[in-house]
C-alpha atoms as a PDB file:
ATOM      1  CA  MET A   1     -32.480 -30.228   5.532  1.00  0.00           C
ATOM      2  CA  LEU A   2     -28.841 -31.169   6.076  1.00  0.00           C
ATOM      3  CA  GLY A   3     -28.164 -33.680   8.821  1.00  0.00           C
ATOM      4  CA  SER A   4     -24.525 -34.597   9.346  1.00  0.00           C
ATOM      5  CA  LEU A   5     -22.213 -32.907   6.841  1.00  0.00           C
ATOM      6  CA  THR A   6     -20.776 -35.071   4.068  1.00  0.00           C
ATOM      7  CA  ASP A   7     -17.832 -34.398   1.753  1.00  0.00           C
ATOM      8  CA  LEU A   8     -20.376 -33.536  -0.933  1.00  0.00           C
ATOM      9  CA  ASP A   9     -22.004 -30.963   1.323  1.00  0.00           C
ATOM     10  CA  LEU A  10     -18.646 -29.333   2.019  1.00  0.00           C
ATOM     11  CA  ARG A  11     -17.822 -29.170  -1.696  1.00  0.00           C
ATOM     12  CA  LEU A  12     -21.201 -27.615  -2.477  1.00  0.00           C
ATOM     13  CA  ILE A  13     -20.845 -25.042   0.293  1.00  0.00           C
ATOM     14  CA  ARG A  14     -17.393 -24.073  -1.006  1.00  0.00           C
ATOM     15  CA  VAL A  15     -18.928 -23.546  -4.459  1.00  0.00           C
ATOM     16  CA  PHE A  16     -21.639 -21.342  -2.971  1.00  0.00           C
ATOM     17  CA  LEU A  17     -19.082 -19.236  -1.061  1.00  0.00           C
ATOM     18  CA  ALA A  18     -16.954 -18.844  -4.200  1.00  0.00           C
ATOM     19  CA  VAL A  19     -19.958 -17.667  -6.214  1.00  0.00           C
ATOM     20  CA  VAL A  20     -20.921 -15.106  -3.578  1.00  0.00           C
ATOM     21  CA  ASP A  21     -17.337 -13.840  -3.276  1.00  0.00           C
ATOM     22  CA  ALA A  22     -17.127 -13.518  -7.060  1.00  0.00           C
ATOM     23  CA  GLY A  23     -20.441 -11.689  -7.222  1.00  0.00           C
ATOM     24  CA  GLY A  24     -22.180 -14.126  -9.519  1.00  0.00           C
ATOM     25  CA  ILE A  25     -22.011 -17.426 -11.392  1.00  0.00           C
ATOM     26  CA  SER A  26     -20.442 -16.144 -14.629  1.00  0.00           C
ATOM     27  CA  VAL A  27     -17.496 -14.528 -12.818  1.00  0.00           C
ATOM     28  CA  ALA A  28     -17.058 -17.584 -10.565  1.00  0.00           C
ATOM     29  CA  GLN A  29     -16.420 -19.808 -13.595  1.00  0.00           C
ATOM     30  CA  THR A  30     -12.795 -18.679 -13.715  1.00  0.00           C
ATOM     31  CA  THR A  31     -12.260 -19.168  -9.987  1.00  0.00           C
ATOM     32  CA  LEU A  32     -13.846 -22.624  -9.904  1.00  0.00           C
ATOM     33  CA  ASN A  33     -12.571 -23.668 -13.346  1.00  0.00           C
ATOM     34  CA  VAL A  34     -15.934 -25.194 -14.300  1.00  0.00           C
ATOM     35  CA  GLY A  35     -18.734 -24.098 -16.613  1.00  0.00           C
ATOM     36  CA  GLN A  36     -21.796 -22.075 -15.687  1.00  0.00           C
ATOM     37  CA  PRO A  37     -24.264 -24.983 -16.096  1.00  0.00           C
ATOM     38  CA  THR A  38     -22.233 -27.105 -13.638  1.00  0.00           C
ATOM     39  CA  ILE A  39     -22.161 -24.312 -11.060  1.00  0.00           C
ATOM     40  CA  SER A  40     -25.914 -23.744 -11.429  1.00  0.00           C
ATOM     41  CA  THR A  41     -26.550 -27.469 -10.919  1.00  0.00           C
ATOM     42  CA  GLN A  42     -24.339 -27.512  -7.804  1.00  0.00           C
ATOM     43  CA  LEU A  43     -26.171 -24.538  -6.305  1.00  0.00           C
ATOM     44  CA  SER A  44     -29.528 -26.190  -7.011  1.00  0.00           C
ATOM     45  CA  THR A  45     -28.338 -29.413  -5.378  1.00  0.00           C
ATOM     46  CA  LEU A  46     -27.239 -27.520  -2.267  1.00  0.00           C
ATOM     47  CA  GLU A  47     -30.585 -25.706  -2.083  1.00  0.00           C
ATOM     48  CA  THR A  48     -32.437 -28.998  -2.431  1.00  0.00           C
ATOM     49  CA  ARG A  49     -30.407 -30.535   0.397  1.00  0.00           C
ATOM     50  CA  LEU A  50     -31.041 -27.490   2.568  1.00  0.00           C
ATOM     51  CA  GLY A  51     -34.697 -27.151   1.735  1.00  0.00           C
ATOM     52  CA  TYR A  52     -34.645 -23.421   0.942  1.00  0.00           C
ATOM     53  CA  ARG A  53     -33.421 -21.022  -1.736  1.00  0.00           C
ATOM     54  CA  LEU A  54     -30.061 -19.334  -1.219  1.00  0.00           C
ATOM     55  CA  CYS A  55     -29.960 -16.942  -4.143  1.00  0.00           C
ATOM     56  CA  GLU A  56     -31.871 -15.516  -7.060  1.00  0.00           C
ATOM     57  CA  ARG A  57     -30.071 -16.007 -10.367  1.00  0.00           C
ATOM     58  CA  GLY A  58     -31.110 -15.377 -13.917  1.00  0.00           C
ATOM     59  CA  ARG A  59     -31.542 -12.505 -16.342  1.00  0.00           C
ATOM     60  CA  SER A  60     -32.089 -10.064 -13.506  1.00  0.00           C
ATOM     61  CA  GLY A  61     -28.672 -10.908 -12.058  1.00  0.00           C
ATOM     62  CA  PHE A  62     -27.366 -12.600  -8.941  1.00  0.00           C
ATOM     63  CA  ARG A  63     -28.797 -11.757  -5.498  1.00  0.00           C
ATOM     64  CA  LEU A  64     -28.719 -13.535  -2.175  1.00  0.00           C
ATOM     65  CA  THR A  65     -31.954 -14.229  -0.330  1.00  0.00           C
ATOM     66  CA  SER A  66     -32.120 -13.306   3.362  1.00  0.00           C
ATOM     67  CA  ARG A  67     -31.462 -16.956   4.229  1.00  0.00           C
ATOM     68  CA  GLY A  68     -28.623 -16.992   1.714  1.00  0.00           C
ATOM     69  CA  GLU A  69     -26.965 -14.040   3.451  1.00  0.00           C
ATOM     70  CA  ARG A  70     -27.097 -15.833   6.814  1.00  0.00           C
ATOM     71  CA  PHE A  71     -25.934 -19.115   5.285  1.00  0.00           C
ATOM     72  CA  TYR A  72     -22.980 -17.331   3.673  1.00  0.00           C
ATOM     73  CA  GLU A  73     -21.817 -16.043   7.079  1.00  0.00           C
ATOM     74  CA  LEU A  74     -22.256 -19.515   8.603  1.00  0.00           C
ATOM     75  CA  GLY A  75     -20.301 -21.065   5.732  1.00  0.00           C
ATOM     76  CA  LYS A  76     -17.392 -18.679   6.201  1.00  0.00           C
ATOM     77  CA  LYS A  77     -17.254 -19.493   9.910  1.00  0.00           C
ATOM     78  CA  LEU A  78     -17.386 -23.209   9.119  1.00  0.00           C
ATOM     79  CA  PHE A  79     -14.320 -23.131   6.889  1.00  0.00           C
ATOM     80  CA  GLU A  80     -12.452 -20.758   9.180  1.00  0.00           C
ATOM     81  CA  ALA A  81     -12.947 -23.384  11.904  1.00  0.00           C
ATOM     82  CA  VAL A  82     -11.846 -26.159   9.523  1.00  0.00           C
ATOM     83  CA  ASP A  83      -8.686 -24.233   8.616  1.00  0.00           C
ATOM     84  CA  GLU A  84      -7.964 -23.560  12.284  1.00  0.00           C
ATOM     85  CA  PHE A  85      -8.417 -27.239  13.114  1.00  0.00           C
ATOM     86  CA  SER A  86      -6.145 -28.297  10.252  1.00  0.00           C
ATOM     87  CA  SER A  87      -3.430 -25.878  11.336  1.00  0.00           C
ATOM     88  CA  ASN A  88      -3.603 -27.022  14.951  1.00  0.00           C
ATOM     89  CA  ALA A  89      -3.485 -30.686  13.930  1.00  0.00           C
ATOM     90  CA  ARG A  90      -0.447 -30.147  11.680  1.00  0.00           C
ATOM     91  CA  ASN A  91       1.452 -28.188  14.319  1.00  0.00           C
ATOM     92  CA  MET A  92       0.565 -30.069  17.468  1.00  0.00           C
ATOM     93  CA  ASP A  93       4.163 -29.895  18.707  1.00  0.00           C
ATOM     94  CA  ARG A  94       4.433 -26.103  18.408  1.00  0.00           C
ATOM     95  CA  LYS A  95       3.973 -23.861  21.453  1.00  0.00           C
ATOM     96  CA  LEU A  96       1.932 -21.187  19.653  1.00  0.00           C
ATOM     97  CA  VAL A  97      -0.602 -22.353  17.083  1.00  0.00           C
ATOM     98  CA  GLY A  98      -3.613 -20.499  15.668  1.00  0.00           C
ATOM     99  CA  THR A  99      -4.541 -17.211  14.024  1.00  0.00           C
ATOM    100  CA  LEU A 100      -3.715 -13.676  15.126  1.00  0.00           C
ATOM    101  CA  ASN A 101      -6.050 -10.986  13.743  1.00  0.00           C
ATOM    102  CA  ILE A 102      -4.597  -7.484  13.989  1.00  0.00           C
ATOM    103  CA  GLY A 103      -6.384  -4.233  13.151  1.00  0.00           C
ATOM    104  CA  LEU A 104      -4.512  -1.039  12.294  1.00  0.00           C
ATOM    105  CA  ILE A 105      -5.510   2.527  11.617  1.00  0.00           C
ATOM    106  CA  GLY A 106      -4.414   3.761   8.203  1.00  0.00           C
ATOM    107  CA  HIS A 107      -1.364   5.891   7.364  1.00  0.00           C
ATOM    108  CA  THR A 108       0.656   5.572  10.538  1.00  0.00           C
ATOM    109  CA  PRO A 109       4.217   6.967  10.330  1.00  0.00           C
ATOM    110  CA  VAL A 110       6.650   4.863   8.318  1.00  0.00           C
ATOM    111  CA  SER A 111       8.909   4.510  11.356  1.00  0.00           C
ATOM    112  CA  GLN A 112       6.037   3.050  13.384  1.00  0.00           C
ATOM    113  CA  ASN A 113       5.007   0.635  10.638  1.00  0.00           C
ATOM    114  CA  ALA A 114       8.630  -0.508  10.608  1.00  0.00           C
ATOM    115  CA  ARG A 115       8.373  -1.286  14.311  1.00  0.00           C
ATOM    116  CA  ILE A 116       5.240  -3.336  13.801  1.00  0.00           C
ATOM    117  CA  SER A 117       7.108  -5.220  11.096  1.00  0.00           C
ATOM    118  CA  GLN A 118       9.990  -5.678  13.530  1.00  0.00           C
ATOM    119  CA  ALA A 119       7.568  -7.155  16.075  1.00  0.00           C
ATOM    120  CA  ILE A 120       6.244  -9.582  13.459  1.00  0.00           C
ATOM    121  CA  ALA A 121       9.814 -10.609  12.602  1.00  0.00           C
ATOM    122  CA  SER A 122      10.605 -11.210  16.276  1.00  0.00           C
ATOM    123  CA  PHE A 123       7.410 -13.189  16.737  1.00  0.00           C
ATOM    124  CA  ARG A 124       8.340 -15.401  13.768  1.00  0.00           C
ATOM    125  CA  GLU A 125      11.504 -16.406  15.655  1.00  0.00           C
ATOM    126  CA  ARG A 126       9.345 -18.060  18.306  1.00  0.00           C
ATOM    127  CA  ASP A 127       8.258 -21.704  18.309  1.00  0.00           C
ATOM    128  CA  GLU A 128       5.040 -20.899  16.469  1.00  0.00           C
ATOM    129  CA  ALA A 129       2.740 -21.778  13.606  1.00  0.00           C
ATOM    130  CA  VAL A 130       0.490 -18.719  13.591  1.00  0.00           C
ATOM    131  CA  ARG A 131      -1.436 -17.295  10.656  1.00  0.00           C
ATOM    132  CA  PHE A 132      -1.440 -13.490  10.597  1.00  0.00           C
ATOM    133  CA  SER A 133      -4.472 -11.563   9.352  1.00  0.00           C
ATOM    134  CA  ILE A 134      -4.073  -7.769   9.214  1.00  0.00           C
ATOM    135  CA  SER A 135      -6.805  -5.276   8.334  1.00  0.00           C
ATOM    136  CA  VAL A 136      -6.995  -1.464   8.218  1.00  0.00           C
ATOM    137  CA  ARG A 137     -10.039   0.176   9.791  1.00  0.00           C
ATOM    138  CA  SER A 138     -11.236   3.407  11.401  1.00  0.00           C
ATOM    139  CA  PRO A 139     -10.827   3.750  15.200  1.00  0.00           C
ATOM    140  CA  GLY A 140     -14.522   3.037  15.816  1.00  0.00           C
ATOM    141  CA  GLU A 141     -14.459  -0.055  13.622  1.00  0.00           C
ATOM    142  CA  LEU A 142     -11.348  -1.345  15.387  1.00  0.00           C
ATOM    143  CA  GLU A 143     -13.111  -1.190  18.749  1.00  0.00           C
ATOM    144  CA  GLU A 144     -16.205  -2.870  17.332  1.00  0.00           C
ATOM    145  CA  HIS A 145     -14.117  -5.681  15.847  1.00  0.00           C
ATOM    146  CA  LEU A 146     -12.271  -6.146  19.137  1.00  0.00           C
ATOM    147  CA  LEU A 147     -15.529  -6.433  21.047  1.00  0.00           C
ATOM    148  CA  SER A 148     -16.971  -8.905  18.542  1.00  0.00           C
ATOM    149  CA  GLY A 149     -13.815 -11.022  18.548  1.00  0.00           C
ATOM    150  CA  GLN A 150     -13.028 -10.393  14.857  1.00  0.00           C
ATOM    151  CA  ILE A 151      -9.581  -9.093  15.833  1.00  0.00           C
ATOM    152  CA  GLN A 152      -7.459  -9.679  18.927  1.00  0.00           C
ATOM    153  CA  ILE A 153      -5.145  -6.649  18.769  1.00  0.00           C
ATOM    154  CA  ALA A 154      -5.712  -3.094  17.505  1.00  0.00           C
ATOM    155  CA  VAL A 155      -3.272  -0.213  17.085  1.00  0.00           C
ATOM    156  CA  GLY A 156      -4.683   3.284  16.667  1.00  0.00           C
ATOM    157  CA  TYR A 157      -5.933   6.357  18.505  1.00  0.00           C
ATOM    158  CA  PHE A 158      -9.186   6.140  20.446  1.00  0.00           C
ATOM    159  CA  TRP A 159     -11.215   9.002  21.924  1.00  0.00           C
ATOM    160  CA  HIS A 160     -13.064   7.032  24.594  1.00  0.00           C
ATOM    161  CA  ARG A 161     -12.378   4.001  26.748  1.00  0.00           C
ATOM    162  CA  VAL A 162     -14.484   0.835  26.619  1.00  0.00           C
ATOM    163  CA  PRO A 163     -14.433  -0.826  30.069  1.00  0.00           C
ATOM    164  CA  THR A 164     -13.912  -4.331  28.659  1.00  0.00           C
ATOM    165  CA  LEU A 165     -10.867  -3.312  26.593  1.00  0.00           C
ATOM    166  CA  ASP A 166      -7.279  -2.719  27.722  1.00  0.00           C
ATOM    167  CA  TYR A 167      -5.494   0.366  26.326  1.00  0.00           C
ATOM    168  CA  ALA A 168      -1.702   0.682  26.531  1.00  0.00           C
ATOM    169  CA  PRO A 169       0.105   3.754  25.088  1.00  0.00           C
ATOM    170  CA  LEU A 170       2.493   2.877  22.282  1.00  0.00           C
ATOM    171  CA  PHE A 171       3.732   6.061  20.551  1.00  0.00           C
ATOM    172  CA  SER A 172       2.713   9.648  19.741  1.00  0.00           C
ATOM    173  CA  GLU A 173       1.957  11.332  16.422  1.00  0.00           C
ATOM    174  CA  GLN A 174       2.202  15.072  15.799  1.00  0.00           C
ATOM    175  CA  GLN A 175      -0.679  16.823  14.070  1.00  0.00           C
ATOM    176  CA  ILE A 176      -0.190  20.309  12.567  1.00  0.00           C
ATOM    177  CA  ALA A 177      -2.611  22.865  11.101  1.00  0.00           C
ATOM    178  CA  TYR A 178      -2.194  23.476   7.351  1.00  0.00           C
ATOM    179  CA  CYS A 179      -3.604  25.534   4.499  1.00  0.00           C
ATOM    180  CA  GLY A 180      -3.565  24.835   0.758  1.00  0.00           C
ATOM    181  CA  ARG A 181      -1.704  26.828  -1.886  1.00  0.00           C
ATOM    182  CA  GLY A 182      -4.829  28.688  -2.995  1.00  0.00           C
ATOM    183  CA  HIS A 183      -5.775  29.842   0.516  1.00  0.00           C
ATOM    184  CA  PRO A 184      -5.494  33.564   1.448  1.00  0.00           C
ATOM    185  CA  LEU A 185      -3.176  32.653   4.341  1.00  0.00           C
ATOM    186  CA  PHE A 186      -0.766  30.583   2.254  1.00  0.00           C
ATOM    187  CA  GLU A 187       1.781  33.362   1.665  1.00  0.00           C
ATOM    188  CA  ARG A 188       1.617  34.408   5.340  1.00  0.00           C
ATOM    189  CA  SER A 189       1.882  30.904   6.774  1.00  0.00           C
ATOM    190  CA  GLY A 190       4.523  29.917   9.293  1.00  0.00           C
ATOM    191  CA  ARG A 191       3.926  32.352  12.146  1.00  0.00           C
ATOM    192  CA  LEU A 192       0.177  32.922  12.172  1.00  0.00           C
ATOM    193  CA  ASP A 193      -1.486  33.143  15.578  1.00  0.00           C
ATOM    194  CA  ALA A 194      -4.624  31.369  16.736  1.00  0.00           C
ATOM    195  CA  SER A 195      -6.802  34.493  16.651  1.00  0.00           C
ATOM    196  CA  THR A 196      -5.922  35.128  12.979  1.00  0.00           C
ATOM    197  CA  VAL A 197      -6.803  31.637  11.736  1.00  0.00           C
ATOM    198  CA  ALA A 198      -9.937  31.220  13.867  1.00  0.00           C
ATOM    199  CA  ASP A 199     -12.137  33.283  11.548  1.00  0.00           C
ATOM    200  CA  PHE A 200     -11.476  31.155   8.454  1.00  0.00           C
ATOM    201  CA  GLU A 201     -13.351  28.012   7.452  1.00  0.00           C
ATOM    202  CA  TRP A 202     -12.022  24.694   8.772  1.00  0.00           C
ATOM    203  CA  ALA A 203     -12.265  21.035   7.885  1.00  0.00           C
ATOM    204  CA  TRP A 204     -12.579  18.728  10.886  1.00  0.00           C
ATOM    205  CA  ARG A 205     -12.666  15.025  11.651  1.00  0.00           C
ATOM    206  CA  THR A 206     -16.066  13.403  12.175  1.00  0.00           C
ATOM    207  CA  TYR A 207     -14.740  11.833  15.374  1.00  0.00           C
ATOM    208  CA  PRO A 208     -13.383  13.736  18.399  1.00  0.00           C
ATOM    209  CA  LEU A 209      -9.698  13.884  19.243  1.00  0.00           C
ATOM    210  CA  PRO A 210      -9.338  14.599  22.977  1.00  0.00           C
ATOM    211  CA  GLU A 211      -5.784  15.962  22.665  1.00  0.00           C
ATOM    212  CA  VAL A 212      -6.735  18.895  20.416  1.00  0.00           C
ATOM    213  CA  GLN A 213      -7.959  22.271  21.551  1.00  0.00           C
ATOM    214  CA  LEU A 214     -10.516  23.562  19.063  1.00  0.00           C
ATOM    215  CA  SER A 215      -8.728  26.157  16.901  1.00  0.00           C
ATOM    216  CA  THR A 216     -11.919  27.871  15.805  1.00  0.00           C
ATOM    217  CA  THR A 217     -15.589  28.168  16.657  1.00  0.00           C
ATOM    218  CA  PRO A 218     -17.930  25.301  15.708  1.00  0.00           C
ATOM    219  CA  GLY A 219     -19.694  27.615  13.259  1.00  0.00           C
ATOM    220  CA  LYS A 220     -16.486  27.894  11.218  1.00  0.00           C
ATOM    221  CA  VAL A 221     -16.187  24.112  10.804  1.00  0.00           C
ATOM    222  CA  THR A 222     -17.887  23.887   7.405  1.00  0.00           C
ATOM    223  CA  ALA A 223     -16.564  20.481   6.282  1.00  0.00           C
ATOM    224  CA  GLN A 224     -16.031  17.119   7.949  1.00  0.00           C
ATOM    225  CA  ALA A 225     -14.382  13.855   6.932  1.00  0.00           C
ATOM    226  CA  ASP A 226     -13.753  10.503   8.592  1.00  0.00           C
ATOM    227  CA  ASN A 227     -10.158  10.017   7.405  1.00  0.00           C
ATOM    228  CA  MET A 228      -7.049  12.086   6.770  1.00  0.00           C
ATOM    229  CA  GLU A 229      -7.060  11.559   2.995  1.00  0.00           C
ATOM    230  CA  ALA A 230     -10.446  13.250   2.766  1.00  0.00           C
ATOM    231  CA  VAL A 231      -9.350  16.042   5.130  1.00  0.00           C
ATOM    232  CA  SER A 232      -6.266  16.635   2.965  1.00  0.00           C
ATOM    233  CA  LEU A 233      -8.446  17.044  -0.146  1.00  0.00           C
ATOM    234  CA  LEU A 234     -10.488  19.701   1.633  1.00  0.00           C
ATOM    235  CA  ILE A 235      -7.336  21.554   2.710  1.00  0.00           C
ATOM    236  CA  LEU A 236      -5.717  21.241  -0.719  1.00  0.00           C
ATOM    237  CA  SER A 237      -8.803  22.908  -2.221  1.00  0.00           C
ATOM    238  CA  GLY A 238      -7.520  26.188  -0.764  1.00  0.00           C
ATOM    239  CA  HIS A 239     -10.831  26.814   0.947  1.00  0.00           C
ATOM    240  CA  HIS A 240     -10.408  25.078   4.323  1.00  0.00           C
ATOM    241  CA  LEU A 241      -7.825  24.977   7.076  1.00  0.00           C
ATOM    242  CA  GLY A 242      -7.262  21.711   8.908  1.00  0.00           C
ATOM    243  CA  TYR A 243      -4.979  19.429  10.889  1.00  0.00           C
ATOM    244  CA  LEU A 244      -2.967  16.589   9.354  1.00  0.00           C
ATOM    245  CA  PRO A 245      -0.207  14.333  10.695  1.00  0.00           C
ATOM    246  CA  ARG A 246       3.161  15.928   9.959  1.00  0.00           C
ATOM    247  CA  HIS A 247       4.499  12.802   8.239  1.00  0.00           C
ATOM    248  CA  PHE A 248       1.406  12.637   5.993  1.00  0.00           C
ATOM    249  CA  ALA A 249       1.554  16.327   5.011  1.00  0.00           C
ATOM    250  CA  ASP A 250       5.336  16.571   4.435  1.00  0.00           C
ATOM    251  CA  PRO A 251       5.265  15.373   0.761  1.00  0.00           C
ATOM    252  CA  TYR A 252       2.603  17.995  -0.046  1.00  0.00           C
ATOM    253  CA  VAL A 253       4.627  20.690   1.735  1.00  0.00           C
ATOM    254  CA  LYS A 254       7.738  19.791  -0.294  1.00  0.00           C
ATOM    255  CA  GLN A 255       5.700  20.150  -3.500  1.00  0.00           C
ATOM    256  CA  GLY A 256       4.460  23.573  -2.424  1.00  0.00           C
ATOM    257  CA  LEU A 257       0.856  22.418  -2.161  1.00  0.00           C
ATOM    258  CA  LEU A 258       0.472  22.789   1.621  1.00  0.00           C
ATOM    259  CA  ALA A 259       1.947  25.109   4.233  1.00  0.00           C
ATOM    260  CA  ALA A 260       1.926  24.849   8.024  1.00  0.00           C
ATOM    261  CA  LEU A 261       0.101  27.766   9.655  1.00  0.00           C
ATOM    262  CA  ASN A 262       2.379  27.843  12.694  1.00  0.00           C
ATOM    263  CA  PRO A 263       4.031  24.531  13.618  1.00  0.00           C
ATOM    264  CA  GLU A 264       5.197  25.916  16.951  1.00  0.00           C
ATOM    265  CA  VAL A 265       1.707  26.844  18.155  1.00  0.00           C
ATOM    266  CA  LEU A 266      -1.014  25.247  16.024  1.00  0.00           C
ATOM    267  CA  ARG A 267      -0.198  21.612  16.688  1.00  0.00           C
ATOM    268  CA  TYR A 268      -1.034  18.792  19.086  1.00  0.00           C
ATOM    269  CA  GLU A 269       0.069  15.257  19.913  1.00  0.00           C
ATOM    270  CA  VAL A 270      -2.090  12.163  19.418  1.00  0.00           C
ATOM    271  CA  THR A 271      -1.256   9.088  21.487  1.00  0.00           C
ATOM    272  CA  PHE A 272      -1.552   5.768  19.719  1.00  0.00           C
ATOM    273  CA  HIS A 273      -2.540   2.791  21.869  1.00  0.00           C
ATOM    274  CA  VAL A 274      -2.362  -0.947  21.453  1.00  0.00           C
ATOM    275  CA  VAL A 275      -5.731  -2.336  22.505  1.00  0.00           C
ATOM    276  CA  THR A 276      -6.889  -5.841  23.401  1.00  0.00           C
ATOM    277  CA  GLN A 277      -9.850  -7.384  25.132  1.00  0.00           C
ATOM    278  CA  ALA A 278      -9.193  -7.478  28.854  1.00  0.00           C
ATOM    279  CA  ARG A 279      -9.314 -11.260  28.811  1.00  0.00           C
ATOM    280  CA  GLY A 280      -7.309 -11.354  25.585  1.00  0.00           C
ATOM    281  CA  ARG A 281      -4.044 -11.192  27.464  1.00  0.00           C
ATOM    282  CA  GLN A 282      -4.736 -14.734  28.636  1.00  0.00           C
ATOM    283  CA  ASN A 283      -4.305 -15.846  25.008  1.00  0.00           C
ATOM    284  CA  PRO A 284      -0.648 -16.964  24.712  1.00  0.00           C
ATOM    285  CA  ILE A 285      -0.442 -15.808  21.067  1.00  0.00           C
ATOM    286  CA  VAL A 286      -1.681 -12.320  21.970  1.00  0.00           C
ATOM    287  CA  THR A 287       0.601 -12.151  25.014  1.00  0.00           C
ATOM    288  CA  ALA A 288       3.640 -13.168  22.975  1.00  0.00           C
ATOM    289  CA  PHE A 289       2.986 -10.663  20.194  1.00  0.00           C
ATOM    290  CA  LEU A 290       2.372  -7.836  22.690  1.00  0.00           C
ATOM    291  CA  GLU A 291       5.761  -8.596  24.243  1.00  0.00           C
ATOM    292  CA  ASP A 292       7.446  -8.329  20.843  1.00  0.00           C
ATOM    293  CA  LEU A 293       5.493  -5.171  19.949  1.00  0.00           C
ATOM    294  CA  THR A 294       6.443  -3.515  23.251  1.00  0.00           C
ATOM    295  CA  THR A 295      10.101  -4.448  22.779  1.00  0.00           C
ATOM    296  CA  ALA A 296      10.064  -2.959  19.257  1.00  0.00           C
ATOM    297  CA  HIS A 297       8.871   0.364  20.722  1.00  0.00           C
ATOM    298  CA  LEU A 298      11.455   0.605  23.527  1.00  0.00           C
ATOM    299  CA  PRO A 299      13.600   3.795  23.497  1.00  0.00           C
ATOM    300  CA  ALA A 300      16.651   1.703  22.568  1.00  0.00           C
ATOM    301  CA  ASN A 301      14.933   0.997  19.245  1.00  0.00           C
ATOM    302  CA  ASP A 302      14.138   4.659  18.571  1.00  0.00           C
ATOM    303  CA  GLU A 303      16.002   5.630  15.445  1.00  0.00           C
ATOM    304  CA  SER A 304      14.841   9.224  15.582  1.00  0.00           C
END
């Protein structure tokens, strides 16, 4: 069993992480720039020093043991901490030093992505040495990652409120009901009323959106999807009606593949929020970035 970590131990752990990330020893040869026998020997040495097997490897392929899975997660955290320490040590004289993990929901309007980019640019003008890490997740995953500390800031729409998280409105997105070119309503689209469209089959999100009034009965919702790309495929099939963000649907409308049922009536607004842990605002990096993000979304910066 490992006692105090040595340089050798750290090198062996890095090899193990590289093999797991590559999905096996043969693929990891390119990443590590060493031969398969050397990698196998290094893994065996690490297992001997640990006193247990990390992975099964051979003709049947590469597979982590249960201990190997846990050790992999520990190893990642170890080197994340090492990187954080190195960054802090190199930038001791900077006011803001560390990592900022941001989670976003996919396919936000281009204008809003530009504002997030503007906030990043403003933040980079500060006296900082911060490493940005940005990921795209579903609303539920964003909240989970906030609660677990995997991210510090999330931007998206959320249908419930977690007491330990802070939600601040950022901007609104318009959702409109559409049909595909092969749908019976396609040629009549534009001024259809709610009673006419209610009897057709709909595609719906797997998560609730509190701003929307149900446009049909639950029995007519015959398809569900957890993201707008999947919903769009169902609508494009010509069999289902469904809601999509206007900015997302516009290219399909211009190609004649989608048509809005009645953009004056069958629509709703979704409010996007920036979310942090309640105590997260005490983090100077988070506080600084929220200031820049808020400034980027001020009316004076509205180009529309």
